[in-house]
Amino acid sequence: MDETRWGALEWGTYADAFGYRLVVIRKARGYSQETLAERSGMHRNQISNLERGTSNREPHVADPLLSTVYRLAGALDVPPAYLMPDLRSAVATRSFEQSSRAELSAVETALRDVLEHRTF
């Protein structure tokens, strides 16, 4: 992990959590990566990389700009917070959402529920 860039933060776990949320919301909306790319003005490869938590640049971990988060949220018609992991807790070394399959399942269930009922 690149400690000069992220300190002791295990950014890869947050990148994975962001990517997981992006996939869940994109699929709930019925969008392909190509459709989301068109709607957000991004390239499909960018969407794919963000969903996988990877980057083509060193250290090969996705680190989206805030403007990217807002572009994606706008294209998905959700508040930007829906894409951001662990918003209800202090920043930890690792994303809590990536701690277990149960946590991933809970995130997916919560996102699908809120999207289905449009309670934002």
C-alpha atoms as a PDB file:
ATOM      1  CA  MET A   1       0.000   0.000   0.000  1.00  0.00           C
ATOM      2  CA  ASP A   2       1.255   3.481  -0.827  1.00  0.00           C
ATOM      3  CA  GLU A   3       1.600   5.076   2.613  1.00  0.00           C
ATOM      4  CA  THR A   4       2.881   8.341   1.146  1.00  0.00           C
ATOM      5  CA  ARG A   5      -0.427   8.733  -0.676  1.00  0.00           C
ATOM      6  CA  TRP A   6      -2.949   7.312   1.796  1.00  0.00           C
ATOM      7  CA  GLY A   7      -1.102   7.159   5.102  1.00  0.00           C
ATOM      8  CA  ALA A   8      -2.051   4.097   7.113  1.00  0.00           C
ATOM      9  CA  LEU A   9      -5.451   3.955   5.360  1.00  0.00           C
ATOM     10  CA  GLU A  10      -5.974   0.700   3.468  1.00  0.00           C
ATOM     11  CA  TRP A  11      -7.509   2.529   0.527  1.00  0.00           C
ATOM     12  CA  GLY A  12      -8.044  -0.654  -1.468  1.00  0.00           C
ATOM     13  CA  THR A  13     -10.815  -1.697   0.923  1.00  0.00           C
ATOM     14  CA  TYR A  14     -12.572   1.635   0.392  1.00  0.00           C
ATOM     15  CA  ALA A  15     -12.078   1.405  -3.373  1.00  0.00           C
ATOM     16  CA  ASP A  16     -13.621  -2.082  -3.312  1.00  0.00           C
ATOM     17  CA  ALA A  17     -16.564  -0.854  -1.207  1.00  0.00           C
ATOM     18  CA  PHE A  18     -17.147   2.068  -3.586  1.00  0.00           C
ATOM     19  CA  GLY A  19     -17.002  -0.291  -6.556  1.00  0.00           C
ATOM     20  CA  TYR A  20     -19.444  -2.694  -4.946  1.00  0.00           C
ATOM     21  CA  ARG A  21     -21.924   0.099  -4.296  1.00  0.00           C
ATOM     22  CA  LEU A  22     -21.521   1.325  -7.874  1.00  0.00           C
ATOM     23  CA  VAL A  23     -22.268  -2.141  -9.293  1.00  0.00           C
ATOM     24  CA  VAL A  24     -25.321  -2.652  -7.053  1.00  0.00           C
ATOM     25  CA  ILE A  25     -26.837   0.725  -7.955  1.00  0.00           C
ATOM     26  CA  ARG A  26     -26.005   0.425 -11.660  1.00  0.00           C
ATOM     27  CA  LYS A  27     -27.636  -2.996 -11.883  1.00  0.00           C
ATOM     28  CA  ALA A  28     -30.652  -1.867  -9.836  1.00  0.00           C
ATOM     29  CA  ARG A  29     -31.120   0.881 -12.403  1.00  0.00           C
ATOM     30  CA  GLY A  30     -30.864  -1.693 -15.193  1.00  0.00           C
ATOM     31  CA  TYR A  31     -27.857   0.033 -16.773  1.00  0.00           C
ATOM     32  CA  SER A  32     -24.969  -1.611 -18.537  1.00  0.00           C
ATOM     33  CA  GLN A  33     -21.505  -0.182 -17.986  1.00  0.00           C
ATOM     34  CA  GLU A  34     -21.799   1.344 -21.457  1.00  0.00           C
ATOM     35  CA  THR A  35     -25.103   3.041 -20.614  1.00  0.00           C
ATOM     36  CA  LEU A  36     -23.721   4.451 -17.375  1.00  0.00           C
ATOM     37  CA  ALA A  37     -20.634   5.656 -19.223  1.00  0.00           C
ATOM     38  CA  GLU A  38     -22.781   7.477 -21.775  1.00  0.00           C
ATOM     39  CA  ARG A  39     -25.033   8.996 -19.106  1.00  0.00           C
ATOM     40  CA  SER A  40     -22.056  10.205 -17.034  1.00  0.00           C
ATOM     41  CA  GLY A  41     -19.836  11.349 -19.903  1.00  0.00           C
ATOM     42  CA  MET A  42     -17.187   8.827 -18.949  1.00  0.00           C
ATOM     43  CA  HIS A  43     -15.573   5.931 -20.786  1.00  0.00           C
ATOM     44  CA  ARG A  44     -16.814   2.388 -20.170  1.00  0.00           C
ATOM     45  CA  ASN A  45     -13.299   1.365 -19.110  1.00  0.00           C
ATOM     46  CA  GLN A  46     -13.412   3.993 -16.347  1.00  0.00           C
ATOM     47  CA  ILE A  47     -16.671   2.521 -15.066  1.00  0.00           C
ATOM     48  CA  SER A  48     -15.196  -0.983 -15.182  1.00  0.00           C
ATOM     49  CA  ASN A  49     -12.056   0.106 -13.323  1.00  0.00           C
ATOM     50  CA  LEU A  50     -14.055   1.877 -10.612  1.00  0.00           C
ATOM     51  CA  GLU A  51     -16.305  -1.148 -10.146  1.00  0.00           C
ATOM     52  CA  ARG A  52     -13.253  -3.392  -9.757  1.00  0.00           C
ATOM     53  CA  GLY A  53     -11.416  -0.886  -7.562  1.00  0.00           C
ATOM     54  CA  THR A  54      -8.496  -0.774  -9.972  1.00  0.00           C
ATOM     55  CA  SER A  55      -6.573   1.858 -11.885  1.00  0.00           C
ATOM     56  CA  ASN A  56      -4.223   1.793 -14.848  1.00  0.00           C
ATOM     57  CA  ARG A  57      -1.823   4.038 -12.925  1.00  0.00           C
ATOM     58  CA  GLU A  58       0.477   3.199 -10.030  1.00  0.00           C
ATOM     59  CA  PRO A  59      -0.404   1.952  -7.428  1.00  0.00           C
ATOM     60  CA  HIS A  60      -3.276   0.424  -9.471  1.00  0.00           C
ATOM     61  CA  VAL A  61      -6.014   1.190  -6.932  1.00  0.00           C
ATOM     62  CA  ALA A  62      -9.031   3.291  -7.955  1.00  0.00           C
ATOM     63  CA  ASP A  63      -9.122   6.737  -6.365  1.00  0.00           C
ATOM     64  CA  PRO A  64     -12.016   8.637  -7.974  1.00  0.00           C
ATOM     65  CA  LEU A  65     -12.150  12.416  -7.936  1.00  0.00           C
ATOM     66  CA  LEU A  66     -15.056  14.046  -6.155  1.00  0.00           C
ATOM     67  CA  SER A  67     -16.300  15.289  -9.533  1.00  0.00           C
ATOM     68  CA  THR A  68     -16.399  11.667 -10.726  1.00  0.00           C
ATOM     69  CA  VAL A  69     -18.522  10.653  -7.738  1.00  0.00           C
ATOM     70  CA  TYR A  70     -20.983  13.459  -8.492  1.00  0.00           C
ATOM     71  CA  ARG A  71     -21.093  12.647 -12.221  1.00  0.00           C
ATOM     72  CA  LEU A  72     -21.883   9.022 -11.433  1.00  0.00           C
ATOM     73  CA  ALA A  73     -24.492   9.951  -8.812  1.00  0.00           C
ATOM     74  CA  GLY A  74     -26.164  12.296 -11.290  1.00  0.00           C
ATOM     75  CA  ALA A  75     -26.190   9.652 -14.003  1.00  0.00           C
ATOM     76  CA  LEU A  76     -27.638   7.100 -11.560  1.00  0.00           C
ATOM     77  CA  ASP A  77     -30.114   9.614 -10.092  1.00  0.00           C
ATOM     78  CA  VAL A  78     -29.004   8.997  -6.507  1.00  0.00           C
ATOM     79  CA  PRO A  79     -27.460  11.172  -3.813  1.00  0.00           C
ATOM     80  CA  PRO A  80     -23.633  10.999  -3.964  1.00  0.00           C
ATOM     81  CA  ALA A  81     -23.635   9.564  -0.431  1.00  0.00           C
ATOM     82  CA  TYR A  82     -25.114   6.321  -1.784  1.00  0.00           C
ATOM     83  CA  LEU A  83     -21.813   5.646  -3.524  1.00  0.00           C
ATOM     84  CA  MET A  84     -19.660   6.410  -0.499  1.00  0.00           C
ATOM     85  CA  PRO A  85     -18.808   3.586   1.920  1.00  0.00           C
ATOM     86  CA  ASP A  86     -18.857   3.808   5.701  1.00  0.00           C
ATOM     87  CA  LEU A  87     -20.500   7.233   5.934  1.00  0.00           C
ATOM     88  CA  ARG A  88     -22.019   6.521   9.328  1.00  0.00           C
ATOM     89  CA  SER A  89     -18.752   5.860  11.115  1.00  0.00           C
ATOM     90  CA  ALA A  90     -15.404   7.471  11.725  1.00  0.00           C
ATOM     91  CA  VAL A  91     -12.747   6.661   9.156  1.00  0.00           C
ATOM     92  CA  ALA A  92     -11.043   3.402  10.038  1.00  0.00           C
ATOM     93  CA  THR A  93      -7.897   1.866   8.585  1.00  0.00           C
ATOM     94  CA  ARG A  94     -10.071  -0.551   6.560  1.00  0.00           C
ATOM     95  CA  SER A  95     -13.593  -0.156   5.204  1.00  0.00           C
ATOM     96  CA  PHE A  96     -15.997  -1.918   7.557  1.00  0.00           C
ATOM     97  CA  GLU A  97     -18.202  -2.744   4.565  1.00  0.00           C
ATOM     98  CA  GLN A  98     -15.462  -5.024   3.285  1.00  0.00           C
ATOM     99  CA  SER A  99     -15.077  -6.910   6.569  1.00  0.00           C
ATOM    100  CA  SER A 100     -17.350  -9.831   5.656  1.00  0.00           C
ATOM    101  CA  ARG A 101     -19.806 -11.224   3.148  1.00  0.00           C
ATOM    102  CA  ALA A 102     -22.558 -10.437   5.633  1.00  0.00           C
ATOM    103  CA  GLU A 103     -21.623  -6.752   5.557  1.00  0.00           C
ATOM    104  CA  LEU A 104     -21.576  -6.759   1.742  1.00  0.00           C
ATOM    105  CA  SER A 105     -24.992  -8.389   1.747  1.00  0.00           C
ATOM    106  CA  ALA A 106     -26.316  -5.814   4.205  1.00  0.00           C
ATOM    107  CA  VAL A 107     -25.048  -2.973   1.999  1.00  0.00           C
ATOM    108  CA  GLU A 108     -26.674  -4.495  -1.076  1.00  0.00           C
ATOM    109  CA  THR A 109     -29.983  -5.058   0.732  1.00  0.00           C
ATOM    110  CA  ALA A 110     -30.043  -1.506   2.105  1.00  0.00           C
ATOM    111  CA  LEU A 111     -29.212   0.039  -1.264  1.00  0.00           C
ATOM    112  CA  ARG A 112     -31.804  -2.027  -3.129  1.00  0.00           C
ATOM    113  CA  ASP A 113     -34.430  -1.186  -0.516  1.00  0.00           C
ATOM    114  CA  VAL A 114     -33.799   2.546  -0.623  1.00  0.00           C
ATOM    115  CA  LEU A 115     -33.687   2.560  -4.439  1.00  0.00           C
ATOM    116  CA  GLU A 116     -36.890   0.547  -4.674  1.00  0.00           C
ATOM    117  CA  HIS A 117     -38.749   2.842  -2.287  1.00  0.00           C
ATOM    118  CA  ARG A 118     -37.012   6.072  -3.367  1.00  0.00           C
ATOM    119  CA  THR A 119     -36.696   7.214   0.217  1.00  0.00           C
ATOM    120  CA  PHE A 120     -33.998   9.807  -0.301  1.00  0.00           C
END
